[in-house]
């Protein structure tokens, strides 16, 4: 009887080890390294229509504005083909209002660039129309 109890206890302990490992908190994620201010030139895009339907350009400006008004993120498509998602140094501080006047137009943006897991972000310090 004692052998059966010990055997059952050992078996349960072995099955519980993976569960304990999952419950252990992970190490905190490292903060992505920020570059010094960079300047990016590109086009302000509506991320949904541009990436799913290829819609862009002056004819798409009204649609981009409507999508942005409903919460679709505007982003900057750099001249190198990289999409930069604008972020703020403050939590939950959307950047659509700053980009909306430039929707589907060319901009020159200066700010802090970060890359994390393939996602490029830009913390915008200055933004102006580009030619």
C-alpha atoms as a PDB file:
ATOM      1  CA  UNK A   1       0.000   0.000   0.000  1.00  0.00           C
ATOM      2  CA  UNK A   2       2.825   2.400   0.870  1.00  0.00           C
ATOM      3  CA  UNK A   3       4.538   1.633  -2.462  1.00  0.00           C
ATOM      4  CA  UNK A   4       1.329   2.471  -4.336  1.00  0.00           C
ATOM      5  CA  UNK A   5       0.962   5.811  -2.499  1.00  0.00           C
ATOM      6  CA  UNK A   6       4.609   6.724  -3.116  1.00  0.00           C
ATOM      7  CA  UNK A   7       4.361   5.703  -6.777  1.00  0.00           C
ATOM      8  CA  UNK A   8       1.235   7.791  -7.262  1.00  0.00           C
ATOM      9  CA  UNK A   9       2.842  10.774  -5.524  1.00  0.00           C
ATOM     10  CA  UNK A  10       5.933  10.567  -7.759  1.00  0.00           C
ATOM     11  CA  UNK A  11       3.790  10.258 -10.899  1.00  0.00           C
ATOM     12  CA  UNK A  12       1.684  13.275  -9.927  1.00  0.00           C
ATOM     13  CA  UNK A  13       4.813  15.291  -9.157  1.00  0.00           C
ATOM     14  CA  UNK A  14       6.259  14.498 -12.594  1.00  0.00           C
ATOM     15  CA  UNK A  15       3.055  15.564 -14.317  1.00  0.00           C
ATOM     16  CA  UNK A  16       2.876  18.743 -12.245  1.00  0.00           C
ATOM     17  CA  UNK A  17       6.393  19.953 -13.149  1.00  0.00           C
ATOM     18  CA  UNK A  18       5.401  21.409 -16.554  1.00  0.00           C
ATOM     19  CA  UNK A  19       2.510  23.256 -14.906  1.00  0.00           C
ATOM     20  CA  UNK A  20       4.821  24.736 -12.279  1.00  0.00           C
ATOM     21  CA  UNK A  21       7.227  25.850 -15.008  1.00  0.00           C
ATOM     22  CA  UNK A  22       4.396  27.628 -16.824  1.00  0.00           C
ATOM     23  CA  UNK A  23       3.326  29.419 -13.655  1.00  0.00           C
ATOM     24  CA  UNK A  24       6.819  30.799 -13.047  1.00  0.00           C
ATOM     25  CA  UNK A  25       6.874  34.444 -14.155  1.00  0.00           C
ATOM     26  CA  UNK A  26       9.037  35.149 -17.164  1.00  0.00           C
ATOM     27  CA  UNK A  27      11.937  37.520 -16.972  1.00  0.00           C
ATOM     28  CA  UNK A  28      10.930  41.091 -17.844  1.00  0.00           C
ATOM     29  CA  UNK A  29      11.309  41.958 -21.502  1.00  0.00           C
ATOM     30  CA  UNK A  30      14.221  44.161 -22.360  1.00  0.00           C
ATOM     31  CA  UNK A  31      13.256  47.630 -23.510  1.00  0.00           C
ATOM     32  CA  UNK A  32      14.015  48.050 -27.222  1.00  0.00           C
ATOM     33  CA  UNK A  33      17.059  50.176 -27.837  1.00  0.00           C
ATOM     34  CA  UNK A  34      16.196  53.658 -29.036  1.00  0.00           C
ATOM     35  CA  UNK A  35      18.262  55.339 -31.679  1.00  0.00           C
ATOM     36  CA  UNK A  36      19.133  59.006 -31.528  1.00  0.00           C
ATOM     37  CA  UNK A  37      16.748  61.211 -33.492  1.00  0.00           C
ATOM     38  CA  UNK A  38      16.431  60.122 -37.097  1.00  0.00           C
ATOM     39  CA  UNK A  39      14.671  61.728 -40.042  1.00  0.00           C
ATOM     40  CA  UNK A  40      12.355  59.628 -42.172  1.00  0.00           C
ATOM     41  CA  UNK A  41      10.726  60.688 -45.411  1.00  0.00           C
ATOM     42  CA  UNK A  42       7.703  58.786 -46.623  1.00  0.00           C
ATOM     43  CA  UNK A  43       3.978  58.687 -47.235  1.00  0.00           C
ATOM     44  CA  UNK A  44       1.301  58.649 -44.533  1.00  0.00           C
ATOM     45  CA  UNK A  45      -0.773  55.535 -45.149  1.00  0.00           C
ATOM     46  CA  UNK A  46      -3.924  53.927 -43.803  1.00  0.00           C
ATOM     47  CA  UNK A  47      -2.528  50.620 -42.533  1.00  0.00           C
ATOM     48  CA  UNK A  48      -5.658  48.587 -43.284  1.00  0.00           C
ATOM     49  CA  UNK A  49      -6.378  49.611 -46.863  1.00  0.00           C
ATOM     50  CA  UNK A  50      -2.722  49.867 -47.834  1.00  0.00           C
ATOM     51  CA  UNK A  51      -1.644  46.484 -46.496  1.00  0.00           C
ATOM     52  CA  UNK A  52      -4.761  44.454 -47.332  1.00  0.00           C
ATOM     53  CA  UNK A  53      -5.985  46.074 -50.553  1.00  0.00           C
ATOM     54  CA  UNK A  54      -3.008  48.036 -51.859  1.00  0.00           C
ATOM     55  CA  UNK A  55      -5.058  51.244 -51.826  1.00  0.00           C
ATOM     56  CA  UNK A  56      -2.990  54.422 -51.805  1.00  0.00           C
ATOM     57  CA  UNK A  57      -2.572  57.838 -53.376  1.00  0.00           C
ATOM     58  CA  UNK A  58      -4.593  61.022 -53.617  1.00  0.00           C
ATOM     59  CA  UNK A  59      -7.752  59.149 -54.679  1.00  0.00           C
ATOM     60  CA  UNK A  60      -7.607  57.228 -51.407  1.00  0.00           C
ATOM     61  CA  UNK A  61      -7.218  60.272 -49.125  1.00  0.00           C
ATOM     62  CA  UNK A  62     -10.904  60.491 -48.097  1.00  0.00           C
ATOM     63  CA  UNK A  63     -11.040  56.762 -47.349  1.00  0.00           C
ATOM     64  CA  UNK A  64      -7.834  56.964 -45.298  1.00  0.00           C
ATOM     65  CA  UNK A  65      -9.304  59.839 -43.273  1.00  0.00           C
ATOM     66  CA  UNK A  66     -12.538  57.901 -42.697  1.00  0.00           C
ATOM     67  CA  UNK A  67     -10.647  54.784 -41.597  1.00  0.00           C
ATOM     68  CA  UNK A  68      -8.416  56.831 -39.274  1.00  0.00           C
ATOM     69  CA  UNK A  69     -11.526  58.393 -37.748  1.00  0.00           C
ATOM     70  CA  UNK A  70     -12.795  54.911 -36.903  1.00  0.00           C
ATOM     71  CA  UNK A  71      -9.529  53.893 -35.222  1.00  0.00           C
ATOM     72  CA  UNK A  72      -7.443  52.396 -38.026  1.00  0.00           C
ATOM     73  CA  UNK A  73      -3.829  53.377 -37.427  1.00  0.00           C
ATOM     74  CA  UNK A  74      -2.097  55.718 -39.794  1.00  0.00           C
ATOM     75  CA  UNK A  75       1.567  54.957 -40.373  1.00  0.00           C
ATOM     76  CA  UNK A  76       4.476  56.183 -42.458  1.00  0.00           C
ATOM     77  CA  UNK A  77       5.621  54.168 -45.441  1.00  0.00           C
ATOM     78  CA  UNK A  78       9.277  55.138 -45.722  1.00  0.00           C
ATOM     79  CA  UNK A  79      10.967  55.625 -49.071  1.00  0.00           C
ATOM     80  CA  UNK A  80      12.921  52.433 -48.298  1.00  0.00           C
ATOM     81  CA  UNK A  81       9.669  50.417 -48.068  1.00  0.00           C
ATOM     82  CA  UNK A  82       9.666  50.157 -44.262  1.00  0.00           C
ATOM     83  CA  UNK A  83       6.390  50.896 -42.467  1.00  0.00           C
ATOM     84  CA  UNK A  84       6.867  52.966 -39.316  1.00  0.00           C
ATOM     85  CA  UNK A  85       4.105  52.937 -36.728  1.00  0.00           C
ATOM     86  CA  UNK A  86       3.963  56.276 -34.889  1.00  0.00           C
ATOM     87  CA  UNK A  87       4.040  55.998 -31.102  1.00  0.00           C
ATOM     88  CA  UNK A  88       4.117  58.356 -28.175  1.00  0.00           C
ATOM     89  CA  UNK A  89       6.225  58.423 -25.038  1.00  0.00           C
ATOM     90  CA  UNK A  90       2.886  58.369 -23.164  1.00  0.00           C
ATOM     91  CA  UNK A  91       0.724  55.262 -22.897  1.00  0.00           C
ATOM     92  CA  UNK A  92      -2.518  55.206 -24.916  1.00  0.00           C
ATOM     93  CA  UNK A  93      -1.638  58.424 -26.758  1.00  0.00           C
ATOM     94  CA  UNK A  94      -2.699  57.756 -30.353  1.00  0.00           C
ATOM     95  CA  UNK A  95      -0.946  59.638 -33.120  1.00  0.00           C
ATOM     96  CA  UNK A  96      -3.660  59.644 -35.814  1.00  0.00           C
ATOM     97  CA  UNK A  97      -4.593  63.279 -35.130  1.00  0.00           C
ATOM     98  CA  UNK A  98      -1.030  64.401 -35.844  1.00  0.00           C
ATOM     99  CA  UNK A  99      -0.834  62.424 -39.088  1.00  0.00           C
ATOM    100  CA  UNK A 100      -4.376  62.985 -40.392  1.00  0.00           C
ATOM    101  CA  UNK A 101      -3.643  66.326 -42.126  1.00  0.00           C
ATOM    102  CA  UNK A 102      -0.955  64.504 -44.149  1.00  0.00           C
ATOM    103  CA  UNK A 103      -2.997  61.391 -45.066  1.00  0.00           C
ATOM    104  CA  UNK A 104      -1.764  59.919 -48.350  1.00  0.00           C
ATOM    105  CA  UNK A 105       0.746  62.763 -48.627  1.00  0.00           C
ATOM    106  CA  UNK A 106       4.509  62.875 -48.286  1.00  0.00           C
ATOM    107  CA  UNK A 107       6.003  63.830 -44.920  1.00  0.00           C
ATOM    108  CA  UNK A 108       9.366  64.392 -43.334  1.00  0.00           C
ATOM    109  CA  UNK A 109       9.376  63.153 -39.734  1.00  0.00           C
ATOM    110  CA  UNK A 110      12.091  63.492 -37.122  1.00  0.00           C
ATOM    111  CA  UNK A 111      12.018  61.422 -33.958  1.00  0.00           C
ATOM    112  CA  UNK A 112      13.191  58.372 -32.074  1.00  0.00           C
ATOM    113  CA  UNK A 113      13.208  55.143 -34.092  1.00  0.00           C
ATOM    114  CA  UNK A 114      12.866  51.767 -32.391  1.00  0.00           C
ATOM    115  CA  UNK A 115      12.651  48.267 -33.789  1.00  0.00           C
ATOM    116  CA  UNK A 116      11.279  45.353 -31.821  1.00  0.00           C
ATOM    117  CA  UNK A 117      10.516  41.929 -33.288  1.00  0.00           C
ATOM    118  CA  UNK A 118      10.469  43.396 -36.792  1.00  0.00           C
ATOM    119  CA  UNK A 119       8.080  46.237 -35.922  1.00  0.00           C
ATOM    120  CA  UNK A 120       9.484  49.694 -36.638  1.00  0.00           C
ATOM    121  CA  UNK A 121       8.135  52.583 -34.584  1.00  0.00           C
ATOM    122  CA  UNK A 122       8.843  56.304 -34.615  1.00  0.00           C
ATOM    123  CA  UNK A 123       8.236  58.601 -31.673  1.00  0.00           C
ATOM    124  CA  UNK A 124       7.505  61.767 -33.629  1.00  0.00           C
ATOM    125  CA  UNK A 125       9.175  64.973 -32.479  1.00  0.00           C
ATOM    126  CA  UNK A 126       8.549  67.030 -35.653  1.00  0.00           C
ATOM    127  CA  UNK A 127       6.439  66.433 -38.728  1.00  0.00           C
ATOM    128  CA  UNK A 128       6.142  68.513 -41.891  1.00  0.00           C
ATOM    129  CA  UNK A 129       5.041  68.119 -45.480  1.00  0.00           C
ATOM    130  CA  UNK A 130       7.777  66.878 -47.783  1.00  0.00           C
ATOM    131  CA  UNK A 131       8.202  67.446 -51.484  1.00  0.00           C
END
